[in-house]
Amino acid sequence: MAAGWKRVLLEGDAAELSDDAPPATDGTAAAAGVGPEASRDDHVHALGPLVADLDFASASAVSFVLENQTTANAPDPAAETIGQEYFDTTLDRPRVWVATA
């Protein structure tokens, strides 16, 4: 994957429900589930890097808002940090900076 701004999936952007098991990203077992509800209450995702604690020093991110910028005024690629996000008002969706895999 090349470095650059990538779109963040929003509700409705993802694929339909299926009976296929989701990929395990951290080596643990994943299961598609068989629950009759749309959210499949027994569905299990492997959490990958999010199994570690997120340290907010016991504080909440209250009223958190991404920086609003147009596509033309996106943050400077020369100064980006992996995982940095902004809200692209031209595309009407959040974007995140990724690096070469």
N, C-alpha and C. Protein backbone atom coordinates (compact mmCIF):
# COMPACT_ATOMS: atom_id res chain seq x y z
N MET A 1 0.85 -1.17 0.00
CA MET A 1 0.00 0.00 0.00
C MET A 1 0.90 1.24 0.00
N ALA A 2 0.66 2.16 -0.88
CA ALA A 2 1.47 3.37 -0.99
C ALA A 2 1.08 4.36 0.10
N ALA A 3 2.02 5.21 0.47
CA ALA A 3 1.75 6.25 1.45
C ALA A 3 0.75 7.24 0.87
N GLY A 4 -0.07 7.79 1.72
CA GLY A 4 -1.02 8.80 1.27
C GLY A 4 -2.29 8.80 2.08
N TRP A 5 -3.18 9.71 1.74
CA TRP A 5 -4.47 9.82 2.42
C TRP A 5 -5.41 8.75 1.89
N LYS A 6 -6.04 7.99 2.77
CA LYS A 6 -6.99 6.94 2.41
C LYS A 6 -8.35 7.27 3.01
N ARG A 7 -9.41 6.93 2.29
CA ARG A 7 -10.77 7.16 2.78
C ARG A 7 -11.08 6.22 3.93
N VAL A 8 -11.87 6.69 4.88
CA VAL A 8 -12.34 5.87 5.99
C VAL A 8 -13.74 5.37 5.63
N LEU A 9 -14.00 4.09 5.82
CA LEU A 9 -15.33 3.54 5.52
C LEU A 9 -16.37 4.11 6.47
N LEU A 10 -17.51 4.45 5.93
CA LEU A 10 -18.63 4.91 6.73
C LEU A 10 -19.75 3.89 6.65
N GLU A 11 -20.75 4.03 7.50
CA GLU A 11 -21.88 3.12 7.48
C GLU A 11 -22.46 3.05 6.07
N GLY A 12 -22.70 1.85 5.59
CA GLY A 12 -23.22 1.66 4.24
C GLY A 12 -22.13 1.44 3.20
N ASP A 13 -20.87 1.72 3.55
CA ASP A 13 -19.77 1.50 2.60
C ASP A 13 -19.28 0.06 2.60
N ALA A 14 -19.51 -0.66 3.69
CA ALA A 14 -18.97 -2.01 3.85
C ALA A 14 -19.83 -3.03 3.12
N ALA A 15 -19.30 -4.22 2.93
CA ALA A 15 -20.00 -5.29 2.24
C ALA A 15 -21.19 -5.79 3.06
N GLU A 16 -22.05 -6.52 2.40
CA GLU A 16 -23.23 -7.12 3.05
C GLU A 16 -22.79 -8.22 4.02
N LEU A 17 -23.71 -8.60 4.93
CA LEU A 17 -23.46 -9.72 5.84
C LEU A 17 -23.23 -10.99 5.04
N SER A 18 -22.37 -11.86 5.57
CA SER A 18 -22.16 -13.14 4.91
C SER A 18 -21.88 -14.20 5.96
N ASP A 19 -21.87 -15.45 5.55
CA ASP A 19 -21.56 -16.54 6.46
C ASP A 19 -20.07 -16.86 6.47
N ASP A 20 -19.29 -16.11 5.71
CA ASP A 20 -17.84 -16.32 5.69
C ASP A 20 -17.22 -15.83 6.99
N ALA A 21 -16.25 -16.55 7.50
CA ALA A 21 -15.55 -16.13 8.70
C ALA A 21 -14.69 -14.91 8.37
N PRO A 22 -14.71 -13.86 9.22
CA PRO A 22 -13.86 -12.71 8.98
C PRO A 22 -12.40 -13.10 9.16
N PRO A 23 -11.49 -12.42 8.50
CA PRO A 23 -10.07 -12.78 8.65
C PRO A 23 -9.57 -12.47 10.06
N ALA A 24 -8.75 -13.35 10.60
CA ALA A 24 -8.14 -13.11 11.90
C ALA A 24 -6.89 -12.28 11.67
N THR A 25 -6.85 -11.08 12.22
CA THR A 25 -5.72 -10.20 11.98
C THR A 25 -4.65 -10.28 13.05
N ASP A 26 -4.93 -10.94 14.16
CA ASP A 26 -3.93 -11.01 15.22
C ASP A 26 -3.60 -12.44 15.61
N GLY A 27 -3.94 -13.40 14.76
CA GLY A 27 -3.61 -14.79 15.03
C GLY A 27 -4.65 -15.53 15.86
N THR A 28 -5.70 -14.85 16.33
CA THR A 28 -6.75 -15.52 17.10
C THR A 28 -7.84 -16.01 16.16
N ALA A 29 -8.71 -16.86 16.66
CA ALA A 29 -9.79 -17.40 15.85
C ALA A 29 -10.87 -16.34 15.64
N ALA A 30 -11.46 -16.35 14.48
CA ALA A 30 -12.57 -15.47 14.17
C ALA A 30 -13.72 -16.35 13.72
N ALA A 31 -14.96 -15.89 13.92
CA ALA A 31 -16.12 -16.70 13.56
C ALA A 31 -17.20 -15.83 12.95
N ALA A 32 -17.87 -16.34 11.91
CA ALA A 32 -18.92 -15.58 11.25
C ALA A 32 -20.16 -15.44 12.11
N GLY A 33 -20.46 -16.43 12.94
CA GLY A 33 -21.65 -16.39 13.78
C GLY A 33 -22.87 -16.89 13.03
N VAL A 34 -23.91 -17.21 13.78
CA VAL A 34 -25.14 -17.72 13.18
C VAL A 34 -26.37 -17.01 13.72
N GLY A 35 -26.19 -15.95 14.51
CA GLY A 35 -27.32 -15.23 15.10
C GLY A 35 -28.28 -14.72 14.04
N PRO A 36 -29.60 -14.67 14.33
CA PRO A 36 -30.59 -14.25 13.36
C PRO A 36 -30.69 -12.73 13.21
N GLU A 37 -30.09 -11.97 14.11
CA GLU A 37 -30.16 -10.52 14.06
C GLU A 37 -29.19 -9.98 13.02
N ALA A 38 -29.46 -8.78 12.51
CA ALA A 38 -28.60 -8.18 11.49
C ALA A 38 -27.17 -8.00 12.00
N SER A 39 -27.01 -7.71 13.29
CA SER A 39 -25.67 -7.50 13.82
C SER A 39 -25.00 -8.80 14.23
N ARG A 40 -25.74 -9.90 14.14
CA ARG A 40 -25.22 -11.22 14.52
C ARG A 40 -24.53 -11.14 15.87
N ASP A 41 -25.32 -11.21 16.93
CA ASP A 41 -24.82 -11.02 18.28
C ASP A 41 -23.72 -11.99 18.70
N ASP A 42 -23.55 -13.11 18.00
CA ASP A 42 -22.47 -14.03 18.34
C ASP A 42 -21.29 -13.92 17.38
N HIS A 43 -21.33 -12.93 16.51
CA HIS A 43 -20.26 -12.67 15.54
C HIS A 43 -18.98 -12.22 16.28
N VAL A 44 -17.84 -12.75 15.91
CA VAL A 44 -16.58 -12.41 16.59
C VAL A 44 -15.57 -11.91 15.58
N HIS A 45 -14.99 -10.75 15.84
CA HIS A 45 -13.88 -10.23 15.04
C HIS A 45 -12.60 -10.35 15.84
N ALA A 46 -11.53 -10.72 15.19
CA ALA A 46 -10.23 -10.64 15.82
C ALA A 46 -9.86 -9.16 15.85
N LEU A 47 -9.40 -8.66 16.99
CA LEU A 47 -9.23 -7.23 17.15
C LEU A 47 -7.89 -6.68 16.70
N GLY A 48 -6.95 -7.52 16.35
CA GLY A 48 -5.67 -7.03 15.87
C GLY A 48 -4.98 -6.13 16.86
N PRO A 49 -4.46 -4.99 16.40
CA PRO A 49 -3.69 -4.12 17.28
C PRO A 49 -4.53 -3.44 18.36
N LEU A 50 -5.85 -3.49 18.28
CA LEU A 50 -6.67 -2.83 19.29
C LEU A 50 -6.88 -3.65 20.55
N VAL A 51 -6.22 -4.81 20.68
CA VAL A 51 -6.34 -5.58 21.90
C VAL A 51 -5.52 -4.94 23.02
N ALA A 52 -4.61 -4.05 22.68
CA ALA A 52 -3.83 -3.34 23.69
C ALA A 52 -4.65 -2.17 24.23
N ASP A 53 -4.30 -1.72 25.43
CA ASP A 53 -5.00 -0.60 26.04
C ASP A 53 -4.74 0.69 25.28
N LEU A 54 -5.75 1.53 25.19
CA LEU A 54 -5.60 2.88 24.67
C LEU A 54 -5.52 3.80 25.87
N ASP A 55 -4.43 4.50 26.06
CA ASP A 55 -4.22 5.30 27.26
C ASP A 55 -4.65 6.74 27.04
N PHE A 56 -5.81 7.10 27.59
CA PHE A 56 -6.27 8.48 27.58
C PHE A 56 -6.07 9.10 28.97
N ALA A 57 -5.21 8.49 29.78
CA ALA A 57 -4.96 8.97 31.14
C ALA A 57 -6.27 9.11 31.91
N SER A 58 -7.14 8.10 31.76
CA SER A 58 -8.45 8.04 32.42
C SER A 58 -9.40 9.14 32.00
N ALA A 59 -9.14 9.79 30.88
CA ALA A 59 -10.02 10.85 30.39
C ALA A 59 -10.76 10.36 29.16
N SER A 60 -11.92 10.94 28.91
CA SER A 60 -12.70 10.60 27.72
C SER A 60 -12.43 11.60 26.62
N ALA A 61 -12.62 11.17 25.39
CA ALA A 61 -12.54 12.09 24.26
C ALA A 61 -13.96 12.63 24.06
N VAL A 62 -14.30 13.70 24.76
CA VAL A 62 -15.64 14.27 24.74
C VAL A 62 -15.73 15.32 23.64
N SER A 63 -16.79 15.26 22.86
CA SER A 63 -17.02 16.21 21.77
C SER A 63 -15.84 16.26 20.80
N PHE A 64 -15.27 15.10 20.51
CA PHE A 64 -14.13 14.98 19.62
C PHE A 64 -14.56 15.29 18.19
N VAL A 65 -13.83 16.16 17.52
CA VAL A 65 -14.14 16.54 16.14
C VAL A 65 -12.85 16.50 15.33
N LEU A 66 -12.92 15.91 14.14
CA LEU A 66 -11.77 15.91 13.24
C LEU A 66 -11.59 17.30 12.63
N GLU A 67 -10.37 17.62 12.26
CA GLU A 67 -10.08 18.87 11.56
C GLU A 67 -10.78 18.85 10.20
N ASN A 68 -11.49 19.92 9.85
CA ASN A 68 -12.18 20.03 8.57
C ASN A 68 -11.28 20.73 7.56
N GLN A 69 -11.07 20.07 6.41
CA GLN A 69 -10.27 20.65 5.33
C GLN A 69 -10.85 20.19 3.99
N THR A 70 -10.66 20.99 2.95
CA THR A 70 -11.03 20.55 1.61
C THR A 70 -9.92 19.63 1.10
N THR A 71 -10.20 18.88 0.03
CA THR A 71 -9.18 18.01 -0.56
C THR A 71 -7.95 18.82 -0.95
N ALA A 72 -8.16 20.01 -1.51
CA ALA A 72 -7.05 20.86 -1.95
C ALA A 72 -6.22 21.37 -0.78
N ASN A 73 -6.82 21.46 0.40
CA ASN A 73 -6.11 21.98 1.58
C ASN A 73 -5.80 20.89 2.59
N ALA A 74 -5.69 19.64 2.14
CA ALA A 74 -5.36 18.53 3.05
C ALA A 74 -4.05 18.84 3.77
N PRO A 75 -3.88 18.33 4.99
CA PRO A 75 -2.62 18.56 5.70
C PRO A 75 -1.41 18.18 4.84
N ASP A 76 -0.30 18.84 5.07
CA ASP A 76 0.93 18.69 4.29
C ASP A 76 1.48 17.26 4.38
N PRO A 77 1.57 16.55 3.25
CA PRO A 77 2.09 15.17 3.27
C PRO A 77 3.50 15.06 3.82
N ALA A 78 4.30 16.10 3.72
CA ALA A 78 5.68 16.04 4.21
C ALA A 78 5.74 16.00 5.74
N ALA A 79 4.66 16.39 6.40
CA ALA A 79 4.67 16.46 7.86
C ALA A 79 3.69 15.50 8.51
N GLU A 80 3.21 14.50 7.77
CA GLU A 80 2.18 13.61 8.30
C GLU A 80 2.73 12.54 9.22
N THR A 81 1.86 12.07 10.10
CA THR A 81 2.14 10.97 11.02
C THR A 81 1.17 9.85 10.69
N ILE A 82 1.64 8.63 10.66
CA ILE A 82 0.77 7.49 10.38
C ILE A 82 -0.39 7.49 11.35
N GLY A 83 -1.60 7.36 10.82
CA GLY A 83 -2.80 7.35 11.65
C GLY A 83 -3.44 8.71 11.82
N GLN A 84 -2.80 9.77 11.35
CA GLN A 84 -3.39 11.10 11.46
C GLN A 84 -4.66 11.16 10.62
N GLU A 85 -5.69 11.83 11.12
CA GLU A 85 -6.96 11.90 10.41
C GLU A 85 -7.40 13.34 10.21
N TYR A 86 -8.21 13.55 9.21
CA TYR A 86 -8.92 14.82 9.03
C TYR A 86 -10.22 14.54 8.31
N PHE A 87 -11.17 15.47 8.33
CA PHE A 87 -12.44 15.30 7.63
C PHE A 87 -12.36 16.08 6.33
N ASP A 88 -12.47 15.37 5.20
CA ASP A 88 -12.39 15.98 3.88
C ASP A 88 -13.78 16.51 3.51
N THR A 89 -13.93 17.84 3.53
CA THR A 89 -15.23 18.45 3.26
C THR A 89 -15.60 18.38 1.77
N THR A 90 -14.60 18.18 0.88
CA THR A 90 -14.89 18.02 -0.54
C THR A 90 -15.54 16.66 -0.80
N LEU A 91 -14.99 15.60 -0.19
CA LEU A 91 -15.49 14.25 -0.36
C LEU A 91 -16.57 13.90 0.66
N ASP A 92 -16.74 14.74 1.68
CA ASP A 92 -17.70 14.53 2.76
C ASP A 92 -17.46 13.22 3.49
N ARG A 93 -16.16 12.96 3.84
CA ARG A 93 -15.82 11.77 4.59
C ARG A 93 -14.45 11.92 5.24
N PRO A 94 -14.22 11.18 6.33
CA PRO A 94 -12.91 11.24 6.99
C PRO A 94 -11.85 10.54 6.15
N ARG A 95 -10.60 10.99 6.32
CA ARG A 95 -9.46 10.36 5.65
C ARG A 95 -8.35 10.15 6.67
N VAL A 96 -7.55 9.13 6.45
CA VAL A 96 -6.46 8.80 7.38
C VAL A 96 -5.17 8.65 6.59
N TRP A 97 -4.04 9.06 7.18
CA TRP A 97 -2.73 8.95 6.53
C TRP A 97 -2.15 7.58 6.81
N VAL A 98 -1.74 6.87 5.75
CA VAL A 98 -1.10 5.56 5.88
C VAL A 98 0.27 5.61 5.22
N ALA A 99 1.11 4.67 5.59
CA ALA A 99 2.47 4.61 5.02
C ALA A 99 2.59 3.37 4.15
N THR A 100 3.70 3.22 3.48
CA THR A 100 3.97 2.06 2.65
C THR A 100 4.05 0.82 3.52
N ALA A 101 3.35 -0.23 3.12
CA ALA A 101 3.34 -1.47 3.89
C ALA A 101 4.66 -2.20 3.72
